[in-house]
C-alpha atoms as a PDB file:
ATOM      1  CA  MET A   1       3.583   4.022  36.545  1.00  0.00           C
ATOM      2  CA  ALA A   2       4.430   3.728  32.827  1.00  0.00           C
ATOM      3  CA  ASP A   3       8.138   4.140  33.593  1.00  0.00           C
ATOM      4  CA  ASP A   4       7.890   1.285  36.099  1.00  0.00           C
ATOM      5  CA  PHE A   5       6.245  -0.832  33.412  1.00  0.00           C
ATOM      6  CA  SER A   6       8.988  -0.003  30.899  1.00  0.00           C
ATOM      7  CA  ALA A   7      11.797  -1.147  33.208  1.00  0.00           C
ATOM      8  CA  GLY A   8      10.023  -4.449  33.856  1.00  0.00           C
ATOM      9  CA  VAL A   9       9.156  -4.919  30.177  1.00  0.00           C
ATOM     10  CA  LEU A  10      12.763  -4.363  29.120  1.00  0.00           C
ATOM     11  CA  ALA A  11      13.818  -6.902  31.745  1.00  0.00           C
ATOM     12  CA  GLY A  12      11.385  -9.429  30.269  1.00  0.00           C
ATOM     13  CA  ASP A  13       9.229  -9.636  33.400  1.00  0.00           C
ATOM     14  CA  LYS A  14       5.925 -11.292  32.506  1.00  0.00           C
ATOM     15  CA  ALA A  15       3.905  -9.403  35.099  1.00  0.00           C
ATOM     16  CA  ALA A  16       5.210  -6.077  33.793  1.00  0.00           C
ATOM     17  CA  VAL A  17       4.500  -7.106  30.205  1.00  0.00           C
ATOM     18  CA  ALA A  18       0.928  -8.073  31.135  1.00  0.00           C
ATOM     19  CA  ALA A  19       0.404  -4.784  32.985  1.00  0.00           C
ATOM     20  CA  ALA A  20       1.777  -2.799  30.044  1.00  0.00           C
ATOM     21  CA  LEU A  21      -0.552  -4.607  27.647  1.00  0.00           C
ATOM     22  CA  ASN A  22      -3.495  -3.882  29.928  1.00  0.00           C
ATOM     23  CA  LEU A  23      -2.537  -0.214  29.692  1.00  0.00           C
ATOM     24  CA  VAL A  24      -2.300  -0.083  25.897  1.00  0.00           C
ATOM     25  CA  GLU A  25      -5.718  -1.744  25.618  1.00  0.00           C
ATOM     26  CA  ASP A  26      -7.280   0.895  27.881  1.00  0.00           C
ATOM     27  CA  ARG A  27      -9.495   3.130  25.728  1.00  0.00           C
ATOM     28  CA  ARG A  28     -10.151   5.733  28.402  1.00  0.00           C
ATOM     29  CA  PRO A  29      -8.829   9.228  27.565  1.00  0.00           C
ATOM     30  CA  GLU A  30      -6.762   9.369  30.767  1.00  0.00           C
ATOM     31  CA  ALA A  31      -4.765   6.341  29.608  1.00  0.00           C
ATOM     32  CA  ARG A  32      -3.505   7.952  26.392  1.00  0.00           C
ATOM     33  CA  GLU A  33      -0.723   9.990  27.981  1.00  0.00           C
ATOM     34  CA  LYS A  34       0.455   6.984  29.972  1.00  0.00           C
ATOM     35  CA  VAL A  35       0.622   4.881  26.807  1.00  0.00           C
ATOM     36  CA  SER A  36       2.684   7.575  25.075  1.00  0.00           C
ATOM     37  CA  THR A  37       5.058   7.762  28.032  1.00  0.00           C
ATOM     38  CA  LEU A  38       5.449   3.993  28.059  1.00  0.00           C
ATOM     39  CA  LEU A  39       6.137   3.690  24.333  1.00  0.00           C
ATOM     40  CA  ASP A  40       8.581   6.609  24.405  1.00  0.00           C
ATOM     41  CA  ALA A  41      10.497   4.944  27.251  1.00  0.00           C
ATOM     42  CA  LEU A  42      10.663   1.628  25.377  1.00  0.00           C
ATOM     43  CA  ALA A  43      11.791   3.288  22.149  1.00  0.00           C
ATOM     44  CA  ARG A  44      14.636   5.092  23.966  1.00  0.00           C
ATOM     45  CA  ALA A  45      16.189   1.811  25.125  1.00  0.00           C
ATOM     46  CA  PRO A  46      19.729   1.512  23.682  1.00  0.00           C
ATOM     47  CA  GLY A  47      20.031  -0.232  20.327  1.00  0.00           C
ATOM     48  CA  ARG A  48      16.298  -0.554  19.694  1.00  0.00           C
ATOM     49  CA  ILE A  49      14.553   0.320  16.431  1.00  0.00           C
ATOM     50  CA  GLY A  50      11.244   1.510  17.807  1.00  0.00           C
ATOM     51  CA  GLY A  51      11.314  -1.531  20.082  1.00  0.00           C
ATOM     52  CA  ALA A  52      13.395  -4.496  18.925  1.00  0.00           C
ATOM     53  CA  GLY A  53      12.140  -8.027  18.362  1.00  0.00           C
ATOM     54  CA  HIS A  54      11.699  -9.393  14.829  1.00  0.00           C
ATOM     55  CA  ARG A  55       8.008  -8.736  14.117  1.00  0.00           C
ATOM     56  CA  ILE A  56       6.463 -11.558  12.098  1.00  0.00           C
ATOM     57  CA  GLY A  57       2.898 -11.261  10.830  1.00  0.00           C
ATOM     58  CA  ILE A  58       0.914 -14.477  10.331  1.00  0.00           C
ATOM     59  CA  THR A  59      -2.113 -13.828   8.135  1.00  0.00           C
ATOM     60  CA  GLY A  60      -4.474 -15.609   5.776  1.00  0.00           C
ATOM     61  CA  PRO A  61      -8.120 -16.638   5.309  1.00  0.00           C
ATOM     62  CA  PRO A  62     -10.202 -18.125   8.134  1.00  0.00           C
ATOM     63  CA  GLY A  63      -9.682 -21.787   8.908  1.00  0.00           C
ATOM     64  CA  VAL A  64      -6.216 -22.253   7.380  1.00  0.00           C
ATOM     65  CA  GLY A  65      -4.644 -23.113  10.731  1.00  0.00           C
ATOM     66  CA  LYS A  66      -2.908 -19.838  11.582  1.00  0.00           C
ATOM     67  CA  SER A  67      -3.196 -20.392  15.344  1.00  0.00           C
ATOM     68  CA  THR A  68      -1.835 -23.924  15.174  1.00  0.00           C
ATOM     69  CA  LEU A  69       1.004 -22.827  12.906  1.00  0.00           C
ATOM     70  CA  CYS A  70       1.756 -19.845  15.151  1.00  0.00           C
ATOM     71  CA  ALA A  71       1.967 -22.092  18.220  1.00  0.00           C
ATOM     72  CA  ALA A  72       4.171 -24.625  16.436  1.00  0.00           C
ATOM     73  CA  LEU A  73       6.480 -21.900  15.141  1.00  0.00           C
ATOM     74  CA  GLY A  74       6.650 -20.411  18.633  1.00  0.00           C
ATOM     75  CA  ARG A  75       7.721 -23.760  20.076  1.00  0.00           C
ATOM     76  CA  GLN A  76      10.370 -24.176  17.382  1.00  0.00           C
ATOM     77  CA  LEU A  77      11.722 -20.697  18.106  1.00  0.00           C
ATOM     78  CA  ARG A  78      11.827 -21.454  21.832  1.00  0.00           C
ATOM     79  CA  ALA A  79      13.688 -24.689  21.129  1.00  0.00           C
ATOM     80  CA  ALA A  80      16.234 -22.551  19.261  1.00  0.00           C
ATOM     81  CA  GLY A  81      16.689 -20.432  22.380  1.00  0.00           C
ATOM     82  CA  ARG A  82      14.699 -17.386  21.300  1.00  0.00           C
ATOM     83  CA  ARG A  83      12.237 -15.581  23.541  1.00  0.00           C
ATOM     84  CA  VAL A  84       8.818 -15.330  21.869  1.00  0.00           C
ATOM     85  CA  GLY A  85       5.862 -13.005  22.360  1.00  0.00           C
ATOM     86  CA  VAL A  86       2.567 -13.616  20.546  1.00  0.00           C
ATOM     87  CA  VAL A  87      -0.257 -11.187  19.762  1.00  0.00           C
ATOM     88  CA  ALA A  88      -3.290 -13.245  18.727  1.00  0.00           C
ATOM     89  CA  VAL A  89      -6.075 -11.038  17.389  1.00  0.00           C
ATOM     90  CA  ASP A  90      -9.520 -12.540  17.939  1.00  0.00           C
ATOM     91  CA  PRO A  91     -12.979 -11.473  16.782  1.00  0.00           C
ATOM     92  CA  SER A  92     -14.922  -9.431  19.319  1.00  0.00           C
ATOM     93  CA  SER A  93     -17.563 -10.908  21.571  1.00  0.00           C
ATOM     94  CA  VAL A  94     -20.977  -9.464  20.731  1.00  0.00           C
ATOM     95  CA  ARG A  95     -21.767  -9.446  24.454  1.00  0.00           C
ATOM     96  CA  SER A  96     -18.646  -8.112  26.162  1.00  0.00           C
ATOM     97  CA  GLY A  97     -16.753  -6.582  23.240  1.00  0.00           C
ATOM     98  CA  GLY A  98     -13.657  -8.484  24.360  1.00  0.00           C
ATOM     99  CA  ALA A  99     -11.667 -11.148  22.559  1.00  0.00           C
ATOM    100  CA  LEU A 100     -13.416 -14.479  22.080  1.00  0.00           C
ATOM    101  CA  LEU A 101     -10.049 -16.147  22.889  1.00  0.00           C
ATOM    102  CA  GLY A 102     -10.474 -18.743  20.162  1.00  0.00           C
ATOM    103  CA  ASP A 103      -6.911 -18.250  18.924  1.00  0.00           C
ATOM    104  CA  ARG A 104      -5.388 -18.535  22.365  1.00  0.00           C
ATOM    105  CA  THR A 105      -7.253 -21.733  23.252  1.00  0.00           C
ATOM    106  CA  ARG A 106      -5.844 -23.363  20.110  1.00  0.00           C
ATOM    107  CA  MET A 107      -2.285 -22.550  21.202  1.00  0.00           C
ATOM    108  CA  THR A 108      -0.562 -24.985  23.501  1.00  0.00           C
ATOM    109  CA  PHE A 109       2.263 -23.494  25.549  1.00  0.00           C
ATOM    110  CA  ASP A 110       3.832 -23.803  28.975  1.00  0.00           C
ATOM    111  CA  PRO A 111       2.486 -20.963  31.154  1.00  0.00           C
ATOM    112  CA  ALA A 112       5.540 -21.329  33.411  1.00  0.00           C
ATOM    113  CA  ASP A 113       7.924 -20.599  30.517  1.00  0.00           C
ATOM    114  CA  ASP A 114       9.215 -17.059  31.044  1.00  0.00           C
ATOM    115  CA  GLY A 115      10.390 -16.969  27.444  1.00  0.00           C
ATOM    116  CA  PHE A 116       6.965 -17.490  25.872  1.00  0.00           C
ATOM    117  CA  PHE A 117       4.079 -15.049  26.238  1.00  0.00           C
ATOM    118  CA  VAL A 118       0.693 -15.103  24.477  1.00  0.00           C
ATOM    119  CA  ARG A 119      -1.845 -12.273  24.541  1.00  0.00           C
ATOM    120  CA  SER A 120      -5.242 -12.257  22.838  1.00  0.00           C
ATOM    121  CA  LEU A 121      -6.617  -8.921  21.679  1.00  0.00           C
ATOM    122  CA  SER A 122     -10.125  -8.139  20.498  1.00  0.00           C
ATOM    123  CA  THR A 123     -10.542  -6.509  17.100  1.00  0.00           C
ATOM    124  CA  GLY A 124     -12.998  -4.141  18.769  1.00  0.00           C
ATOM    125  CA  GLY A 125     -14.932  -4.003  15.513  1.00  0.00           C
ATOM    126  CA  GLU A 126     -11.894  -2.882  13.518  1.00  0.00           C
ATOM    127  CA  ALA A 127     -11.556  -3.933   9.897  1.00  0.00           C
ATOM    128  CA  GLY A 128      -8.173  -4.919   8.549  1.00  0.00           C
ATOM    129  CA  GLY A 129      -7.576  -8.079  10.562  1.00  0.00           C
ATOM    130  CA  LEU A 130      -5.952  -6.370  13.571  1.00  0.00           C
ATOM    131  CA  SER A 131      -6.951  -4.904  16.911  1.00  0.00           C
ATOM    132  CA  TRP A 132      -6.873  -1.145  17.392  1.00  0.00           C
ATOM    133  CA  ALA A 133      -4.266  -1.737  20.150  1.00  0.00           C
ATOM    134  CA  ALA A 134      -2.115  -4.122  18.078  1.00  0.00           C
ATOM    135  CA  ASN A 135       0.514  -1.500  17.150  1.00  0.00           C
ATOM    136  CA  ALA A 136       1.230  -0.631  20.757  1.00  0.00           C
ATOM    137  CA  ALA A 137       1.057  -4.259  21.904  1.00  0.00           C
ATOM    138  CA  VAL A 138       3.634  -5.286  19.300  1.00  0.00           C
ATOM    139  CA  ARG A 139       5.984  -2.554  20.517  1.00  0.00           C
ATOM    140  CA  VAL A 140       5.626  -3.716  24.108  1.00  0.00           C
ATOM    141  CA  LEU A 141       6.328  -7.346  23.228  1.00  0.00           C
ATOM    142  CA  GLY A 142       9.161  -6.315  20.902  1.00  0.00           C
ATOM    143  CA  ALA A 143      10.908  -4.670  23.837  1.00  0.00           C
ATOM    144  CA  ALA A 144      10.682  -7.831  25.936  1.00  0.00           C
ATOM    145  CA  TYR A 145      11.132 -10.673  23.427  1.00  0.00           C
ATOM    146  CA  ASP A 146      13.439 -11.643  20.569  1.00  0.00           C
ATOM    147  CA  VAL A 147      10.584 -12.495  18.206  1.00  0.00           C
ATOM    148  CA  VAL A 148       7.004 -11.195  18.101  1.00  0.00           C
ATOM    149  CA  LEU A 149       4.412 -13.267  16.238  1.00  0.00           C
ATOM    150  CA  VAL A 150       1.306 -11.315  15.236  1.00  0.00           C
ATOM    151  CA  GLU A 151      -1.618 -13.486  14.191  1.00  0.00           C
ATOM    152  CA  THR A 152      -4.452 -11.660  12.446  1.00  0.00           C
ATOM    153  CA  THR A 153      -8.084 -12.667  12.351  1.00  0.00           C
ATOM    154  CA  GLY A 154      -9.167 -14.424   9.163  1.00  0.00           C
ATOM    155  CA  VAL A 155      -8.705 -11.885   6.369  1.00  0.00           C
ATOM    156  CA  GLY A 156     -10.417 -11.318   3.045  1.00  0.00           C
ATOM    157  CA  GLN A 157      -9.166  -9.630  -0.091  1.00  0.00           C
ATOM    158  CA  THR A 158      -8.498  -6.122   1.241  1.00  0.00           C
ATOM    159  CA  GLU A 159      -7.312  -6.499   4.845  1.00  0.00           C
ATOM    160  CA  THR A 160      -3.660  -5.499   4.591  1.00  0.00           C
ATOM    161  CA  ASP A 161      -3.083  -3.726   7.928  1.00  0.00           C
ATOM    162  CA  ILE A 162      -0.509  -6.338   8.922  1.00  0.00           C
ATOM    163  CA  VAL A 163       1.998  -4.791   6.498  1.00  0.00           C
ATOM    164  CA  ASN A 164       2.104  -1.716   8.763  1.00  0.00           C
ATOM    165  CA  VAL A 165       2.903  -3.786  11.860  1.00  0.00           C
ATOM    166  CA  ALA A 166       5.195  -6.621  10.776  1.00  0.00           C
ATOM    167  CA  ASP A 167       8.770  -6.657   9.497  1.00  0.00           C
ATOM    168  CA  THR A 168       8.043  -9.941   7.723  1.00  0.00           C
ATOM    169  CA  VAL A 169       4.571 -10.968   6.529  1.00  0.00           C
ATOM    170  CA  VAL A 170       3.740 -14.678   6.228  1.00  0.00           C
ATOM    171  CA  PHE A 171       0.606 -15.528   4.246  1.00  0.00           C
ATOM    172  CA  VAL A 172      -0.862 -18.959   5.054  1.00  0.00           C
ATOM    173  CA  VAL A 173      -3.013 -21.032   2.707  1.00  0.00           C
ATOM    174  CA  GLN A 174      -4.658 -24.419   3.088  1.00  0.00           C
ATOM    175  CA  PRO A 175      -4.438 -27.294   0.579  1.00  0.00           C
ATOM    176  CA  GLY A 176      -7.554 -27.754  -1.512  1.00  0.00           C
ATOM    177  CA  SER A 177      -9.034 -24.366  -0.659  1.00  0.00           C
ATOM    178  CA  GLY A 178      -8.313 -22.542  -3.914  1.00  0.00           C
ATOM    179  CA  ASP A 179      -6.906 -19.606  -1.931  1.00  0.00           C
ATOM    180  CA  ALA A 180      -4.052 -18.995  -4.353  1.00  0.00           C
ATOM    181  CA  LEU A 181      -6.372 -18.356  -7.298  1.00  0.00           C
ATOM    182  CA  GLN A 182      -8.906 -16.477  -5.181  1.00  0.00           C
ATOM    183  CA  PHE A 183      -6.322 -14.064  -3.815  1.00  0.00           C
ATOM    184  CA  LEU A 184      -4.417 -13.640  -7.067  1.00  0.00           C
ATOM    185  CA  LYS A 185      -6.811 -10.845  -8.040  1.00  0.00           C
ATOM    186  CA  ALA A 186      -6.517  -9.156  -4.658  1.00  0.00           C
ATOM    187  CA  GLY A 187      -4.092  -6.580  -3.325  1.00  0.00           C
ATOM    188  CA  ILE A 188      -3.300  -8.841  -0.398  1.00  0.00           C
ATOM    189  CA  MET A 189      -1.232 -11.081  -2.699  1.00  0.00           C
ATOM    190  CA  GLU A 190       1.237  -8.232  -3.106  1.00  0.00           C
ATOM    191  CA  ILE A 191       2.190  -7.890   0.558  1.00  0.00           C
ATOM    192  CA  PRO A 192       3.510 -11.279   1.773  1.00  0.00           C
ATOM    193  CA  ASP A 193       7.249 -11.816   2.121  1.00  0.00           C
ATOM    194  CA  ILE A 194       6.779 -15.572   2.545  1.00  0.00           C
ATOM    195  CA  PHE A 195       3.951 -17.893   1.515  1.00  0.00           C
ATOM    196  CA  VAL A 196       3.264 -21.001   3.578  1.00  0.00           C
ATOM    197  CA  VAL A 197       1.108 -23.957   2.617  1.00  0.00           C
ATOM    198  CA  ASN A 198      -0.060 -25.382   5.925  1.00  0.00           C
ATOM    199  CA  LYS A 199      -1.047 -29.016   6.532  1.00  0.00           C
ATOM    200  CA  SER A 200       1.550 -30.368   4.123  1.00  0.00           C
ATOM    201  CA  ASP A 201       0.878 -33.805   5.619  1.00  0.00           C
ATOM    202  CA  LEU A 202      -2.161 -33.925   3.302  1.00  0.00           C
ATOM    203  CA  GLY A 203       0.197 -34.994   0.514  1.00  0.00           C
ATOM    204  CA  GLY A 204      -1.120 -34.481  -3.012  1.00  0.00           C
ATOM    205  CA  LEU A 205      -3.423 -31.620  -2.054  1.00  0.00           C
ATOM    206  CA  ALA A 206      -0.483 -29.769  -0.494  1.00  0.00           C
ATOM    207  CA  ASP A 207       1.649 -30.365  -3.603  1.00  0.00           C
ATOM    208  CA  ARG A 208      -1.142 -28.903  -5.757  1.00  0.00           C
ATOM    209  CA  ALA A 209      -1.401 -25.842  -3.497  1.00  0.00           C
ATOM    210  CA  LEU A 210       2.363 -25.289  -3.777  1.00  0.00           C
ATOM    211  CA  SER A 211       2.111 -25.526  -7.553  1.00  0.00           C
ATOM    212  CA  ASP A 212      -0.866 -23.135  -7.686  1.00  0.00           C
ATOM    213  CA  LEU A 213       0.919 -20.573  -5.519  1.00  0.00           C
ATOM    214  CA  SER A 214       4.105 -20.740  -7.550  1.00  0.00           C
ATOM    215  CA  ALA A 215       2.096 -20.284 -10.752  1.00  0.00           C
ATOM    216  CA  ALA A 216       0.193 -17.342  -9.229  1.00  0.00           C
ATOM    217  CA  LEU A 217       3.421 -15.624  -8.213  1.00  0.00           C
ATOM    218  CA  HIS A 218       4.890 -16.208 -11.668  1.00  0.00           C
ATOM    219  CA  ALA A 219       1.783 -14.631 -13.220  1.00  0.00           C
ATOM    220  CA  LEU A 220       2.068 -11.633 -10.903  1.00  0.00           C
ATOM    221  CA  GLY A 221       5.741 -11.239 -11.775  1.00  0.00           C
ATOM    222  CA  ALA A 222       4.939 -11.388 -15.490  1.00  0.00           C
ATOM    223  CA  ALA A 223       2.351  -8.643 -14.909  1.00  0.00           C
ATOM    224  CA  GLY A 224       4.987  -6.457 -13.253  1.00  0.00           C
ATOM    225  CA  VAL A 225       3.835  -7.080  -9.672  1.00  0.00           C
ATOM    226  CA  GLY A 226       6.783  -8.245  -7.599  1.00  0.00           C
ATOM    227  CA  ASP A 227       9.670 -10.316  -8.903  1.00  0.00           C
ATOM    228  CA  GLY A 228       8.026 -13.724  -8.552  1.00  0.00           C
ATOM    229  CA  ALA A 229      10.775 -14.789  -6.137  1.00  0.00           C
ATOM    230  CA  THR A 230       8.766 -14.781  -2.898  1.00  0.00           C
ATOM    231  CA  PRO A 231       9.516 -18.040  -1.047  1.00  0.00           C
ATOM    232  CA  VAL A 232       6.746 -20.640  -1.107  1.00  0.00           C
ATOM    233  CA  LEU A 233       7.114 -23.233   1.658  1.00  0.00           C
ATOM    234  CA  ALA A 234       5.138 -26.183   2.989  1.00  0.00           C
ATOM    235  CA  VAL A 235       4.852 -27.001   6.696  1.00  0.00           C
ATOM    236  CA  SER A 236       2.972 -29.429   8.874  1.00  0.00           C
ATOM    237  CA  SER A 237       2.116 -28.630  12.461  1.00  0.00           C
ATOM    238  CA  VAL A 238       1.233 -32.322  12.892  1.00  0.00           C
ATOM    239  CA  ASP A 239       4.643 -33.816  12.149  1.00  0.00           C
ATOM    240  CA  GLY A 240       6.764 -30.667  12.442  1.00  0.00           C
ATOM    241  CA  LYS A 241       8.091 -30.852   8.893  1.00  0.00           C
ATOM    242  CA  GLY A 242       9.091 -27.664   7.126  1.00  0.00           C
ATOM    243  CA  PHE A 243       9.625 -25.462  10.166  1.00  0.00           C
ATOM    244  CA  ASP A 244      13.418 -25.438   9.873  1.00  0.00           C
ATOM    245  CA  ALA A 245      13.030 -24.085   6.349  1.00  0.00           C
ATOM    246  CA  LEU A 246      10.451 -21.549   7.522  1.00  0.00           C
ATOM    247  CA  MET A 247      12.709 -20.294  10.310  1.00  0.00           C
ATOM    248  CA  ALA A 248      15.612 -20.030   7.853  1.00  0.00           C
ATOM    249  CA  ALA A 249      13.431 -18.026   5.427  1.00  0.00           C
ATOM    250  CA  LEU A 250      12.326 -15.693   8.223  1.00  0.00           C
ATOM    251  CA  ASP A 251      15.922 -15.072   9.286  1.00  0.00           C
ATOM    252  CA  GLN A 252      17.001 -14.579   5.689  1.00  0.00           C
ATOM    253  CA  HIS A 253      14.284 -11.995   5.085  1.00  0.00           C
ATOM    254  CA  ALA A 254      15.227 -10.058   8.223  1.00  0.00           C
ATOM    255  CA  GLY A 255      18.882 -10.211   7.197  1.00  0.00           C
ATOM    256  CA  THR A 256      18.070  -8.974   3.701  1.00  0.00           C
ATOM    257  CA  LEU A 257      16.159  -6.013   5.113  1.00  0.00           C
ATOM    258  CA  GLY A 258      18.950  -5.210   7.547  1.00  0.00           C
ATOM    259  CA  PHE A 259      18.802  -2.444  10.137  1.00  0.00           C
ATOM    260  CA  ASP A 260      17.909   0.266   7.630  1.00  0.00           C
ATOM    261  CA  GLY A 261      15.235  -1.773   5.897  1.00  0.00           C
ATOM    262  CA  ILE A 262      13.536  -2.720   9.154  1.00  0.00           C
ATOM    263  CA  ALA A 263      13.718   0.890  10.349  1.00  0.00           C
ATOM    264  CA  ALA A 264      12.119   2.080   7.093  1.00  0.00           C
ATOM    265  CA  ARG A 265       9.283  -0.437   7.362  1.00  0.00           C
ATOM    266  CA  ARG A 266       8.612   0.519  10.949  1.00  0.00           C
ATOM    267  CA  ALA A 267       8.648   4.225  10.092  1.00  0.00           C
ATOM    268  CA  GLN A 268       6.080   3.573   7.352  1.00  0.00           C
ATOM    269  CA  GLY A 269       3.947   1.660   9.832  1.00  0.00           C
ATOM    270  CA  ALA A 270       4.260   4.434  12.399  1.00  0.00           C
ATOM    271  CA  ARG A 271       3.088   7.020   9.872  1.00  0.00           C
ATOM    272  CA  ALA A 272       0.105   4.858   8.987  1.00  0.00           C
ATOM    273  CA  TRP A 273      -0.689   4.476  12.698  1.00  0.00           C
ATOM    274  CA  VAL A 274      -0.753   8.231  13.294  1.00  0.00           C
ATOM    275  CA  ARG A 275      -2.917   8.823  10.222  1.00  0.00           C
ATOM    276  CA  ARG A 276      -5.356   6.181  11.390  1.00  0.00           C
ATOM    277  CA  LEU A 277      -5.583   7.616  14.908  1.00  0.00           C
ATOM    278  CA  LEU A 278      -6.291  11.078  13.525  1.00  0.00           C
ATOM    279  CA  MET A 279      -8.752   9.880  10.886  1.00  0.00           C
ATOM    280  CA  ARG A 280     -10.689   7.879  13.466  1.00  0.00           C
ATOM    281  CA  ARG A 281     -11.056  10.883  15.751  1.00  0.00           C
ATOM    282  CA  TYR A 282     -11.234  13.874  13.371  1.00  0.00           C
ATOM    283  CA  GLY A 283     -11.958  12.590   9.871  1.00  0.00           C
ATOM    284  CA  GLU A 284     -10.904  14.242   6.627  1.00  0.00           C
ATOM    285  CA  LEU A 285     -12.000  17.689   7.823  1.00  0.00           C
ATOM    286  CA  GLY A 286      -9.539  17.445  10.691  1.00  0.00           C
ATOM    287  CA  ILE A 287      -6.739  16.350   8.364  1.00  0.00           C
ATOM    288  CA  ALA A 288      -7.523  19.342   6.140  1.00  0.00           C
ATOM    289  CA  THR A 289      -6.743  21.719   9.012  1.00  0.00           C
ATOM    290  CA  LEU A 290      -3.156  20.422   8.905  1.00  0.00           C
ATOM    291  CA  GLY A 291      -2.832  21.004   5.157  1.00  0.00           C
ATOM    292  CA  GLY A 292      -3.973  17.604   3.941  1.00  0.00           C
ATOM    293  CA  PHE A 293      -2.204  14.258   3.867  1.00  0.00           C
ATOM    294  CA  PRO A 294       1.073  15.378   2.191  1.00  0.00           C
ATOM    295  CA  ASP A 295       1.687  18.040   4.848  1.00  0.00           C
ATOM    296  CA  LEU A 296       0.550  15.643   7.556  1.00  0.00           C
ATOM    297  CA  ASP A 297       3.013  12.967   6.427  1.00  0.00           C
ATOM    298  CA  ALA A 298       5.858  15.495   6.467  1.00  0.00           C
ATOM    299  CA  ARG A 299       4.931  16.562   9.996  1.00  0.00           C
ATOM    300  CA  ILE A 300       4.725  12.959  11.161  1.00  0.00           C
ATOM    301  CA  ALA A 301       8.107  12.101   9.635  1.00  0.00           C
ATOM    302  CA  ALA A 302       9.740  15.062  11.368  1.00  0.00           C
ATOM    303  CA  GLU A 303       8.233  14.119  14.731  1.00  0.00           C
ATOM    304  CA  LEU A 304       9.247  10.475  14.347  1.00  0.00           C
ATOM    305  CA  SER A 305      12.828  11.472  13.574  1.00  0.00           C
ATOM    306  CA  GLY A 306      12.804  13.387  16.843  1.00  0.00           C
ATOM    307  CA  GLY A 307      11.966  10.213  18.756  1.00  0.00           C
ATOM    308  CA  SER A 308       8.281  10.801  19.543  1.00  0.00           C
ATOM    309  CA  SER A 309       5.906   7.828  19.629  1.00  0.00           C
ATOM    310  CA  PRO A 310       2.904   7.681  17.262  1.00  0.00           C
ATOM    311  CA  PRO A 311       0.337   8.205  20.079  1.00  0.00           C
ATOM    312  CA  ALA A 312       2.269  11.253  21.309  1.00  0.00           C
ATOM    313  CA  ILE A 313       2.434  12.663  17.771  1.00  0.00           C
ATOM    314  CA  ALA A 314      -1.289  12.034  17.293  1.00  0.00           C
ATOM    315  CA  ALA A 315      -2.022  13.849  20.568  1.00  0.00           C
ATOM    316  CA  THR A 316       0.043  16.887  19.529  1.00  0.00           C
ATOM    317  CA  LEU A 317      -1.479  17.103  16.069  1.00  0.00           C
ATOM    318  CA  GLY A 318      -4.930  16.417  17.467  1.00  0.00           C
ATOM    319  CA  ALA A 319      -4.622  19.441  19.748  1.00  0.00           C
ATOM    320  CA  GLU A 320      -3.792  21.569  16.693  1.00  0.00           C
ATOM    321  CA  ILE A 321      -6.816  20.217  14.850  1.00  0.00           C
ATOM    322  CA  GLU A 322      -9.131  20.959  17.768  1.00  0.00           C
ATOM    323  CA  GLN A 323      -7.758  24.494  18.045  1.00  0.00           C
ATOM    324  CA  ALA A 324      -8.303  25.107  14.320  1.00  0.00           C
ATOM    325  CA  LEU A 325     -11.820  23.715  14.463  1.00  0.00           C
ATOM    326  CA  ARG A 326     -12.680  25.896  17.449  1.00  0.00           C
ATOM    327  CA  LEU A 327     -11.402  28.974  15.640  1.00  0.00           C
ATOM    328  CA  GLY A 328     -13.260  28.011  12.476  1.00  0.00           C
ATOM    329  CA  THR A 329     -10.170  28.361  10.296  1.00  0.00           C
ATOM    330  CA  VAL A 330     -11.160  25.529   7.963  1.00  0.00           C
END
C-alpha cells in the first residue's frame, strides 16, 4: 500500500498525496512500519535530498497574519509556475483532538488546481509550534511539489522546532506589535533566515517595525549572535507589494545553502526527529541504554547515511532499548 502511495506522490497525484498524509497522521502502532516504508521509498527517488521541494517555514507570534501571507506567497509561487504544497499546523480541538482548521479557512485557493495542495494538521498537544506528524508530512509534500510551505501555530519565545523541518525559516512580525523588541531576548530570534514585516500597507507603523527589526539584528550582531545581515523585508497581502522581493530572497537563501547545505540541514533535522521519537516513548532512561545522546547521535548519523528514514531508525533503536530494559542492563 505504501509503495502504491509513493508512486502516486512522486507523480504529483493529489489523491495519493492525501492518502499518504492520512497514513503519516495515523498514530496506531500498525501504521508505523507503513510510514517507514513510504518515507524510504520517497527518499530513494533519483536526485532527491530526503525528498526534494524547497521547505520554507513560516513562523511568528499569533495574529501576525501568517496564514494570509502563506496563501498569498503560495499564489505568487503558482503564478511563477511552481507547484506548491502547504502544511498548516492548527491548534487541537479540545473535543475531537483534530485540527481546528482555522489556518486553512483563512487560505483562499483553487481546489481544482493540481499544483496547489493545502493540508491542516493538529498539534496534538505538542509544544514547539508543529504537529507531531509535520516531519513526515513535509517529506511527503516535498516529493510531490516544488515548494513546501510550513506554517506553524502562533509561537512564543522558545518554540524553535521549525528549524528542524525547514530549509529556510521566515519569521513574520506585525507593525505596532513590539515583536522585534520582545523577541530580541529570545532564542527564536537566532533561527530566522528572513524576517518579514507583514501588513506593510499600514505605512508608518510598518516603517517603524522595519527599523526596530534592523536595530535588533544589529544589536544581536554586535553581541556576537549572527552577522546582522539577515534580510528584513516588508510585504502586504492586501496589495501584493513586496512578494517579488520575498521570493527572490527565498531563492537566494536556497542557492546560498546549495545542495550540501540543504542536505546538512535536513540531516540535522532528521537526527532531532529520531531523538524526539525515542524521548517521547522511552525517556532519558531509554536513551541511557544506548550510551547516552553522543552515542545515539553517532548511531543515527550512521543509519541516515545508509538511507534509512527517521521512523525506521527510531523503530530499530527502540527495539534495542526495549531489549535492554527487559534484561535489566541499565
